[in-house]
């Protein structure tokens, strides 16, 4: 099995850290995800891609492109959850 407890622990810890240190942005959405939201999504996407059981049968470039359209206005890690659910 590819999953190991330490790897999952560090992944969860990094996601929690990103959510805690993310500062709320009171300005209007810019049409692009904030750097914090983008980093959070990239980390989750990479983890999902690296651990996907059917990775040989999936077009991750297409999946990522479609997911990015769901988080165009993401300003916080929480705003990326819809895109991450889509990837899952």
PDB file of N, CA and C in Angstrom:
ATOM      1  N   UNK A   1       0.850  -1.173   0.000  1.00  0.00           N
ATOM      2  CA  UNK A   1       0.000   0.000   0.000  1.00  0.00           C
ATOM      3  C   UNK A   1       0.895   1.236   0.000  1.00  0.00           C
ATOM      4  N   UNK A   2       0.563   2.204  -0.811  1.00  0.00           N
ATOM      5  CA  UNK A   2       1.380   3.405  -0.946  1.00  0.00           C
ATOM      6  C   UNK A   2       1.303   4.316   0.269  1.00  0.00           C
ATOM      7  N   UNK A   3       0.197   4.281   0.976  1.00  0.00           N
ATOM      8  CA  UNK A   3      -0.007   5.213   2.081  1.00  0.00           C
ATOM      9  C   UNK A   3       0.815   4.786   3.284  1.00  0.00           C
ATOM     10  N   UNK A   4       1.436   5.754   3.911  1.00  0.00           N
ATOM     11  CA  UNK A   4       2.106   5.485   5.166  1.00  0.00           C
ATOM     12  C   UNK A   4       1.632   6.507   6.175  1.00  0.00           C
ATOM     13  N   UNK A   5       1.583   6.113   7.401  1.00  0.00           N
ATOM     14  CA  UNK A   5       1.079   6.987   8.455  1.00  0.00           C
ATOM     15  C   UNK A   5       1.878   8.280   8.566  1.00  0.00           C
ATOM     16  N   UNK A   6       3.208   8.237   8.552  1.00  0.00           N
ATOM     17  CA  UNK A   6       3.943   9.509   8.642  1.00  0.00           C
ATOM     18  C   UNK A   6       3.653  10.446   7.469  1.00  0.00           C
ATOM     19  N   UNK A   7       3.524   9.913   6.283  1.00  0.00           N
ATOM     20  CA  UNK A   7       3.268  10.744   5.108  1.00  0.00           C
ATOM     21  C   UNK A   7       1.895  11.417   5.219  1.00  0.00           C
ATOM     22  N   UNK A   8       0.892  10.662   5.640  1.00  0.00           N
ATOM     23  CA  UNK A   8      -0.436  11.225   5.823  1.00  0.00           C
ATOM     24  C   UNK A   8      -0.447  12.264   6.937  1.00  0.00           C
ATOM     25  N   UNK A   9       0.301  11.983   7.999  1.00  0.00           N
ATOM     26  CA  UNK A   9       0.381  12.923   9.117  1.00  0.00           C
ATOM     27  C   UNK A   9       0.968  14.255   8.657  1.00  0.00           C
ATOM     28  N   UNK A  10       2.075  14.208   7.933  1.00  0.00           N
ATOM     29  CA  UNK A  10       2.709  15.449   7.472  1.00  0.00           C
ATOM     30  C   UNK A  10       1.842  16.183   6.455  1.00  0.00           C
ATOM     31  N   UNK A  11       1.123  15.454   5.617  1.00  0.00           N
ATOM     32  CA  UNK A  11       0.211  16.086   4.676  1.00  0.00           C
ATOM     33  C   UNK A  11      -0.897  16.816   5.427  1.00  0.00           C
ATOM     34  N   UNK A  12      -1.503  16.145   6.388  1.00  0.00           N
ATOM     35  CA  UNK A  12      -2.577  16.761   7.169  1.00  0.00           C
ATOM     36  C   UNK A  12      -2.047  17.961   7.956  1.00  0.00           C
ATOM     37  N   UNK A  13      -0.869  17.832   8.531  1.00  0.00           N
ATOM     38  CA  UNK A  13      -0.276  18.927   9.283  1.00  0.00           C
ATOM     39  C   UNK A  13      -0.012  20.131   8.391  1.00  0.00           C
ATOM     40  N   UNK A  14       0.463  19.902   7.179  1.00  0.00           N
ATOM     41  CA  UNK A  14       0.741  21.022   6.277  1.00  0.00           C
ATOM     42  C   UNK A  14      -0.556  21.698   5.817  1.00  0.00           C
ATOM     43  N   UNK A  15      -1.615  20.926   5.590  1.00  0.00           N
ATOM     44  CA  UNK A  15      -2.898  21.522   5.218  1.00  0.00           C
ATOM     45  C   UNK A  15      -3.468  22.357   6.352  1.00  0.00           C
ATOM     46  N   UNK A  16      -3.367  21.845   7.554  1.00  0.00           N
ATOM     47  CA  UNK A  16      -3.860  22.590   8.708  1.00  0.00           C
ATOM     48  C   UNK A  16      -3.046  23.864   8.900  1.00  0.00           C
ATOM     49  N   UNK A  17      -1.737  23.768   8.743  1.00  0.00           N
ATOM     50  CA  UNK A  17      -0.879  24.947   8.877  1.00  0.00           C
ATOM     51  C   UNK A  17      -1.223  26.003   7.844  1.00  0.00           C
ATOM     52  N   UNK A  18      -1.457  25.584   6.621  1.00  0.00           N
ATOM     53  CA  UNK A  18      -1.812  26.539   5.566  1.00  0.00           C
ATOM     54  C   UNK A  18      -3.126  27.233   5.889  1.00  0.00           C
ATOM     55  N   UNK A  19      -4.067  26.494   6.435  1.00  0.00           N
ATOM     56  CA  UNK A  19      -5.362  27.086   6.779  1.00  0.00           C
ATOM     57  C   UNK A  19      -5.240  28.059   7.949  1.00  0.00           C
ATOM     58  N   UNK A  20      -4.368  27.754   8.899  1.00  0.00           N
ATOM     59  CA  UNK A  20      -4.218  28.605  10.071  1.00  0.00           C
ATOM     60  C   UNK A  20      -3.510  29.912   9.715  1.00  0.00           C
ATOM     61  N   UNK A  21      -2.471  29.833   8.897  1.00  0.00           N
ATOM     62  CA  UNK A  21      -1.705  31.040   8.603  1.00  0.00           C
ATOM     63  C   UNK A  21      -2.298  31.861   7.462  1.00  0.00           C
ATOM     64  N   UNK A  22      -3.314  31.334   6.827  1.00  0.00           N
ATOM     65  CA  UNK A  22      -3.946  32.076   5.735  1.00  0.00           C
ATOM     66  C   UNK A  22      -4.658  33.299   6.305  1.00  0.00           C
ATOM     67  N   UNK A  23      -4.341  34.430   5.761  1.00  0.00           N
ATOM     68  CA  UNK A  23      -4.978  35.657   6.210  1.00  0.00           C
ATOM     69  C   UNK A  23      -6.204  35.921   5.360  1.00  0.00           C
ATOM     70  N   UNK A  24      -7.315  36.304   5.969  1.00  0.00           N
ATOM     71  CA  UNK A  24      -8.492  36.625   5.171  1.00  0.00           C
ATOM     72  C   UNK A  24      -8.213  37.856   4.314  1.00  0.00           C
ATOM     73  N   UNK A  25      -8.689  37.822   3.096  1.00  0.00           N
ATOM     74  CA  UNK A  25      -8.488  38.924   2.171  1.00  0.00           C
ATOM     75  C   UNK A  25      -9.813  39.654   2.004  1.00  0.00           C
ATOM     76  N   UNK A  26      -9.958  40.842   2.588  1.00  0.00           N
ATOM     77  CA  UNK A  26     -11.235  41.535   2.526  1.00  0.00           C
ATOM     78  C   UNK A  26     -11.516  42.182   1.175  1.00  0.00           C
ATOM     79  N   UNK A  27     -10.522  42.237   0.308  1.00  0.00           N
ATOM     80  CA  UNK A  27     -10.738  42.882  -0.993  1.00  0.00           C
ATOM     81  C   UNK A  27     -11.592  42.005  -1.898  1.00  0.00           C
ATOM     82  N   UNK A  28     -12.078  42.590  -2.954  1.00  0.00           N
ATOM     83  CA  UNK A  28     -12.899  41.858  -3.914  1.00  0.00           C
ATOM     84  C   UNK A  28     -12.062  40.789  -4.603  1.00  0.00           C
ATOM     85  N   UNK A  29     -12.667  39.670  -4.997  1.00  0.00           N
ATOM     86  CA  UNK A  29     -11.936  38.640  -5.730  1.00  0.00           C
ATOM     87  C   UNK A  29     -11.355  39.214  -7.024  1.00  0.00           C
ATOM     88  N   UNK A  30     -10.164  38.752  -7.356  1.00  0.00           N
ATOM     89  CA  UNK A  30      -9.455  39.290  -8.510  1.00  0.00           C
ATOM     90  C   UNK A  30      -9.674  38.482  -9.774  1.00  0.00           C
ATOM     91  N   UNK A  31     -10.341  37.365  -9.703  1.00  0.00           N
ATOM     92  CA  UNK A  31     -10.501  36.508 -10.872  1.00  0.00           C
ATOM     93  C   UNK A  31      -9.404  35.460 -10.947  1.00  0.00           C
ATOM     94  N   UNK A  32      -8.486  35.524  -9.996  1.00  0.00           N
ATOM     95  CA  UNK A  32      -7.432  34.525  -9.883  1.00  0.00           C
ATOM     96  C   UNK A  32      -7.362  34.071  -8.437  1.00  0.00           C
ATOM     97  N   UNK A  33      -7.031  32.802  -8.230  1.00  0.00           N
ATOM     98  CA  UNK A  33      -6.886  32.336  -6.853  1.00  0.00           C
ATOM     99  C   UNK A  33      -5.732  33.054  -6.154  1.00  0.00           C
ATOM    100  N   UNK A  34      -5.862  33.240  -4.861  1.00  0.00           N
ATOM    101  CA  UNK A  34      -4.766  33.829  -4.093  1.00  0.00           C
ATOM    102  C   UNK A  34      -3.608  32.837  -4.044  1.00  0.00           C
ATOM    103  N   UNK A  35      -2.399  33.314  -3.749  1.00  0.00           N
ATOM    104  CA  UNK A  35      -1.259  32.398  -3.635  1.00  0.00           C
ATOM    105  C   UNK A  35      -1.469  31.313  -2.582  1.00  0.00           C
ATOM    106  N   UNK A  36      -2.113  31.675  -1.476  1.00  0.00           N
ATOM    107  CA  UNK A  36      -2.364  30.692  -0.415  1.00  0.00           C
ATOM    108  C   UNK A  36      -3.335  29.623  -0.906  1.00  0.00           C
ATOM    109  N   UNK A  37      -4.404  30.039  -1.566  1.00  0.00           N
ATOM    110  CA  UNK A  37      -5.384  29.077  -2.080  1.00  0.00           C
ATOM    111  C   UNK A  37      -4.759  28.192  -3.151  1.00  0.00           C
ATOM    112  N   UNK A  38      -3.961  28.775  -4.024  1.00  0.00           N
ATOM    113  CA  UNK A  38      -3.308  28.000  -5.081  1.00  0.00           C
ATOM    114  C   UNK A  38      -2.355  26.960  -4.498  1.00  0.00           C
ATOM    115  N   UNK A  39      -1.572  27.370  -3.499  1.00  0.00           N
ATOM    116  CA  UNK A  39      -0.628  26.443  -2.868  1.00  0.00           C
ATOM    117  C   UNK A  39      -1.357  25.296  -2.188  1.00  0.00           C
ATOM    118  N   UNK A  40      -2.450  25.614  -1.517  1.00  0.00           N
ATOM    119  CA  UNK A  40      -3.254  24.589  -0.838  1.00  0.00           C
ATOM    120  C   UNK A  40      -3.806  23.583  -1.850  1.00  0.00           C
ATOM    121  N   UNK A  41      -4.370  24.099  -2.942  1.00  0.00           N
ATOM    122  CA  UNK A  41      -4.914  23.218  -3.971  1.00  0.00           C
ATOM    123  C   UNK A  41      -3.812  22.369  -4.603  1.00  0.00           C
ATOM    124  N   UNK A  42      -2.681  22.973  -4.938  1.00  0.00           N
ATOM    125  CA  UNK A  42      -1.578  22.240  -5.571  1.00  0.00           C
ATOM    126  C   UNK A  42      -1.096  21.096  -4.685  1.00  0.00           C
ATOM    127  N   UNK A  43      -0.989  21.368  -3.393  1.00  0.00           N
ATOM    128  CA  UNK A  43      -0.533  20.329  -2.470  1.00  0.00           C
ATOM    129  C   UNK A  43      -1.544  19.177  -2.418  1.00  0.00           C
ATOM    130  N   UNK A  44      -2.819  19.512  -2.324  1.00  0.00           N
ATOM    131  CA  UNK A  44      -3.848  18.470  -2.288  1.00  0.00           C
ATOM    132  C   UNK A  44      -3.898  17.708  -3.605  1.00  0.00           C
ATOM    133  N   UNK A  45      -3.827  18.429  -4.726  1.00  0.00           N
ATOM    134  CA  UNK A  45      -3.888  17.786  -6.037  1.00  0.00           C
ATOM    135  C   UNK A  45      -2.718  16.828  -6.221  1.00  0.00           C
ATOM    136  N   UNK A  46      -1.530  17.260  -5.860  1.00  0.00           N
ATOM    137  CA  UNK A  46      -0.345  16.406  -5.993  1.00  0.00           C
ATOM    138  C   UNK A  46      -0.479  15.145  -5.150  1.00  0.00           C
ATOM    139  N   UNK A  47      -0.974  15.300  -3.933  1.00  0.00           N
ATOM    140  CA  UNK A  47      -1.161  14.142  -3.058  1.00  0.00           C
ATOM    141  C   UNK A  47      -2.168  13.164  -3.676  1.00  0.00           C
ATOM    142  N   UNK A  48      -3.274  13.683  -4.171  1.00  0.00           N
ATOM    143  CA  UNK A  48      -4.306  12.828  -4.777  1.00  0.00           C
ATOM    144  C   UNK A  48      -3.748  12.126  -6.003  1.00  0.00           C
ATOM    145  N   UNK A  49      -3.057  12.873  -6.854  1.00  0.00           N
ATOM    146  CA  UNK A  49      -2.492  12.299  -8.081  1.00  0.00           C
ATOM    147  C   UNK A  49      -1.464  11.214  -7.765  1.00  0.00           C
ATOM    148  N   UNK A  50      -0.600  11.480  -6.795  1.00  0.00           N
ATOM    149  CA  UNK A  50       0.454  10.520  -6.444  1.00  0.00           C
ATOM    150  C   UNK A  50      -0.084   9.253  -5.797  1.00  0.00           C
ATOM    151  N   UNK A  51      -1.276   9.315  -5.245  1.00  0.00           N
ATOM    152  CA  UNK A  51      -1.825   8.163  -4.533  1.00  0.00           C
ATOM    153  C   UNK A  51      -3.081   7.586  -5.176  1.00  0.00           C
ATOM    154  N   UNK A  52      -3.395   8.016  -6.377  1.00  0.00           N
ATOM    155  CA  UNK A  52      -4.593   7.524  -7.059  1.00  0.00           C
ATOM    156  C   UNK A  52      -4.415   6.062  -7.471  1.00  0.00           C
ATOM    157  N   UNK A  53      -5.378   5.254  -7.133  1.00  0.00           N
ATOM    158  CA  UNK A  53      -5.325   3.830  -7.456  1.00  0.00           C
ATOM    159  C   UNK A  53      -5.389   3.601  -8.965  1.00  0.00           C
ATOM    160  N   UNK A  54      -6.231   4.345  -9.663  1.00  0.00           N
ATOM    161  CA  UNK A  54      -6.404   4.183 -11.103  1.00  0.00           C
ATOM    162  C   UNK A  54      -5.645   5.262 -11.878  1.00  0.00           C
ATOM    163  N   UNK A  55      -4.480   5.651 -11.401  1.00  0.00           N
ATOM    164  CA  UNK A  55      -3.745   6.764 -12.006  1.00  0.00           C
ATOM    165  C   UNK A  55      -3.423   6.547 -13.483  1.00  0.00           C
ATOM    166  N   UNK A  56      -3.280   5.310 -13.907  1.00  0.00           N
ATOM    167  CA  UNK A  56      -2.957   5.033 -15.311  1.00  0.00           C
ATOM    168  C   UNK A  56      -4.141   5.294 -16.234  1.00  0.00           C
ATOM    169  N   UNK A  57      -5.328   5.338 -15.677  1.00  0.00           N
ATOM    170  CA  UNK A  57      -6.537   5.494 -16.475  1.00  0.00           C
ATOM    171  C   UNK A  57      -7.106   6.907 -16.430  1.00  0.00           C
ATOM    172  N   UNK A  58      -6.433   7.805 -15.739  1.00  0.00           N
ATOM    173  CA  UNK A  58      -6.962   9.155 -15.560  1.00  0.00           C
ATOM    174  C   UNK A  58      -6.098  10.187 -16.282  1.00  0.00           C
ATOM    175  N   UNK A  59      -6.734  11.182 -16.828  1.00  0.00           N
ATOM    176  CA  UNK A  59      -6.040  12.289 -17.484  1.00  0.00           C
ATOM    177  C   UNK A  59      -5.968  13.440 -16.476  1.00  0.00           C
ATOM    178  N   UNK A  60      -4.888  13.455 -15.693  1.00  0.00           N
ATOM    179  CA  UNK A  60      -4.784  14.433 -14.617  1.00  0.00           C
ATOM    180  C   UNK A  60      -4.646  15.861 -15.121  1.00  0.00           C
ATOM    181  N   UNK A  61      -4.082  16.055 -16.288  1.00  0.00           N
ATOM    182  CA  UNK A  61      -3.989  17.411 -16.835  1.00  0.00           C
ATOM    183  C   UNK A  61      -5.391  17.972 -17.088  1.00  0.00           C
ATOM    184  N   UNK A  62      -6.259  17.145 -17.648  1.00  0.00           N
ATOM    185  CA  UNK A  62      -7.634  17.577 -17.924  1.00  0.00           C
ATOM    186  C   UNK A  62      -8.412  17.771 -16.623  1.00  0.00           C
ATOM    187  N   UNK A  63      -8.230  16.857 -15.680  1.00  0.00           N
ATOM    188  CA  UNK A  63      -8.912  16.964 -14.386  1.00  0.00           C
ATOM    189  C   UNK A  63      -8.487  18.238 -13.672  1.00  0.00           C
ATOM    190  N   UNK A  64      -7.186  18.537 -13.698  1.00  0.00           N
ATOM    191  CA  UNK A  64      -6.695  19.737 -13.029  1.00  0.00           C
ATOM    192  C   UNK A  64      -7.265  20.995 -13.681  1.00  0.00           C
ATOM    193  N   UNK A  65      -7.286  21.022 -14.992  1.00  0.00           N
ATOM    194  CA  UNK A  65      -7.818  22.192 -15.710  1.00  0.00           C
ATOM    195  C   UNK A  65      -9.282  22.427 -15.340  1.00  0.00           C
ATOM    196  N   UNK A  66     -10.060  21.347 -15.295  1.00  0.00           N
ATOM    197  CA  UNK A  66     -11.466  21.481 -14.927  1.00  0.00           C
ATOM    198  C   UNK A  66     -11.621  21.926 -13.470  1.00  0.00           C
ATOM    199  N   UNK A  67     -10.778  21.412 -12.594  1.00  0.00           N
ATOM    200  CA  UNK A  67     -10.850  21.779 -11.180  1.00  0.00           C
ATOM    201  C   UNK A  67     -10.481  23.249 -10.981  1.00  0.00           C
ATOM    202  N   UNK A  68      -9.500  23.725 -11.724  1.00  0.00           N
ATOM    203  CA  UNK A  68      -9.077  25.124 -11.582  1.00  0.00           C
ATOM    204  C   UNK A  68     -10.200  26.097 -11.945  1.00  0.00           C
ATOM    205  N   UNK A  69     -11.079  25.692 -12.849  1.00  0.00           N
ATOM    206  CA  UNK A  69     -12.196  26.564 -13.198  1.00  0.00           C
ATOM    207  C   UNK A  69     -13.184  26.698 -12.041  1.00  0.00           C
ATOM    208  N   UNK A  70     -13.160  25.756 -11.111  1.00  0.00           N
ATOM    209  CA  UNK A  70     -14.067  25.786  -9.969  1.00  0.00           C
ATOM    210  C   UNK A  70     -13.530  26.631  -8.820  1.00  0.00           C
ATOM    211  N   UNK A  71     -12.286  27.123  -8.960  1.00  0.00           N
ATOM    212  CA  UNK A  71     -11.693  27.909  -7.869  1.00  0.00           C
ATOM    213  C   UNK A  71     -11.089  29.217  -8.365  1.00  0.00           C
ATOM    214  N   UNK A  72     -11.662  29.764  -9.426  1.00  0.00           N
ATOM    215  CA  UNK A  72     -11.137  30.986 -10.028  1.00  0.00           C
ATOM    216  C   UNK A  72     -11.076  32.131  -9.023  1.00  0.00           C
ATOM    217  N   UNK A  73     -12.059  32.221  -8.142  1.00  0.00           N
ATOM    218  CA  UNK A  73     -12.121  33.330  -7.186  1.00  0.00           C
ATOM    219  C   UNK A  73     -11.679  32.926  -5.775  1.00  0.00           C
ATOM    220  N   UNK A  74     -11.012  31.792  -5.638  1.00  0.00           N
ATOM    221  CA  UNK A  74     -10.612  31.297  -4.318  1.00  0.00           C
ATOM    222  C   UNK A  74      -9.610  32.246  -3.661  1.00  0.00           C
ATOM    223  N   UNK A  75      -9.918  32.647  -2.452  1.00  0.00           N
ATOM    224  CA  UNK A  75      -9.028  33.529  -1.707  1.00  0.00           C
ATOM    225  C   UNK A  75      -8.494  32.883  -0.431  1.00  0.00           C
ATOM    226  N   UNK A  76      -9.059  31.740  -0.066  1.00  0.00           N
ATOM    227  CA  UNK A  76      -8.603  31.033   1.132  1.00  0.00           C
ATOM    228  C   UNK A  76      -8.607  29.536   0.835  1.00  0.00           C
ATOM    229  N   UNK A  77      -7.928  28.748   1.661  1.00  0.00           N
ATOM    230  CA  UNK A  77      -7.948  27.304   1.456  1.00  0.00           C
ATOM    231  C   UNK A  77      -9.366  26.726   1.423  1.00  0.00           C
ATOM    232  N   UNK A  78     -10.252  27.257   2.232  1.00  0.00           N
ATOM    233  CA  UNK A  78     -11.633  26.752   2.253  1.00  0.00           C
ATOM    234  C   UNK A  78     -12.326  26.954   0.910  1.00  0.00           C
ATOM    235  N   UNK A  79     -11.939  27.986   0.181  1.00  0.00           N
ATOM    236  CA  UNK A  79     -12.542  28.251  -1.125  1.00  0.00           C
ATOM    237  C   UNK A  79     -12.140  27.232  -2.192  1.00  0.00           C
ATOM    238  N   UNK A  80     -11.156  26.414  -1.900  1.00  0.00           N
ATOM    239  CA  UNK A  80     -10.692  25.419  -2.875  1.00  0.00           C
ATOM    240  C   UNK A  80     -11.349  24.057  -2.683  1.00  0.00           C
ATOM    241  N   UNK A  81     -12.139  23.912  -1.638  1.00  0.00           N
ATOM    242  CA  UNK A  81     -12.695  22.592  -1.317  1.00  0.00           C
ATOM    243  C   UNK A  81     -13.582  22.034  -2.429  1.00  0.00           C
ATOM    244  N   UNK A  82     -14.332  22.862  -3.109  1.00  0.00           N
ATOM    245  CA  UNK A  82     -15.161  22.370  -4.209  1.00  0.00           C
ATOM    246  C   UNK A  82     -14.279  21.771  -5.311  1.00  0.00           C
ATOM    247  N   UNK A  83     -13.189  22.434  -5.635  1.00  0.00           N
ATOM    248  CA  UNK A  83     -12.272  21.939  -6.667  1.00  0.00           C
ATOM    249  C   UNK A  83     -11.615  20.629  -6.219  1.00  0.00           C
ATOM    250  N   UNK A  84     -11.234  20.545  -4.959  1.00  0.00           N
ATOM    251  CA  UNK A  84     -10.613  19.329  -4.447  1.00  0.00           C
ATOM    252  C   UNK A  84     -11.607  18.187  -4.451  1.00  0.00           C
ATOM    253  N   UNK A  85     -12.849  18.448  -4.070  1.00  0.00           N
ATOM    254  CA  UNK A  85     -13.885  17.398  -4.136  1.00  0.00           C
ATOM    255  C   UNK A  85     -14.063  16.924  -5.568  1.00  0.00           C
ATOM    256  N   UNK A  86     -14.004  17.832  -6.530  1.00  0.00           N
ATOM    257  CA  UNK A  86     -14.121  17.445  -7.928  1.00  0.00           C
ATOM    258  C   UNK A  86     -12.992  16.488  -8.316  1.00  0.00           C
ATOM    259  N   UNK A  87     -11.789  16.775  -7.894  1.00  0.00           N
ATOM    260  CA  UNK A  87     -10.645  15.911  -8.217  1.00  0.00           C
ATOM    261  C   UNK A  87     -10.826  14.524  -7.604  1.00  0.00           C
ATOM    262  N   UNK A  88     -11.344  14.484  -6.375  1.00  0.00           N
ATOM    263  CA  UNK A  88     -11.563  13.194  -5.713  1.00  0.00           C
ATOM    264  C   UNK A  88     -12.628  12.403  -6.437  1.00  0.00           C
TER     265      UNK A  88
END
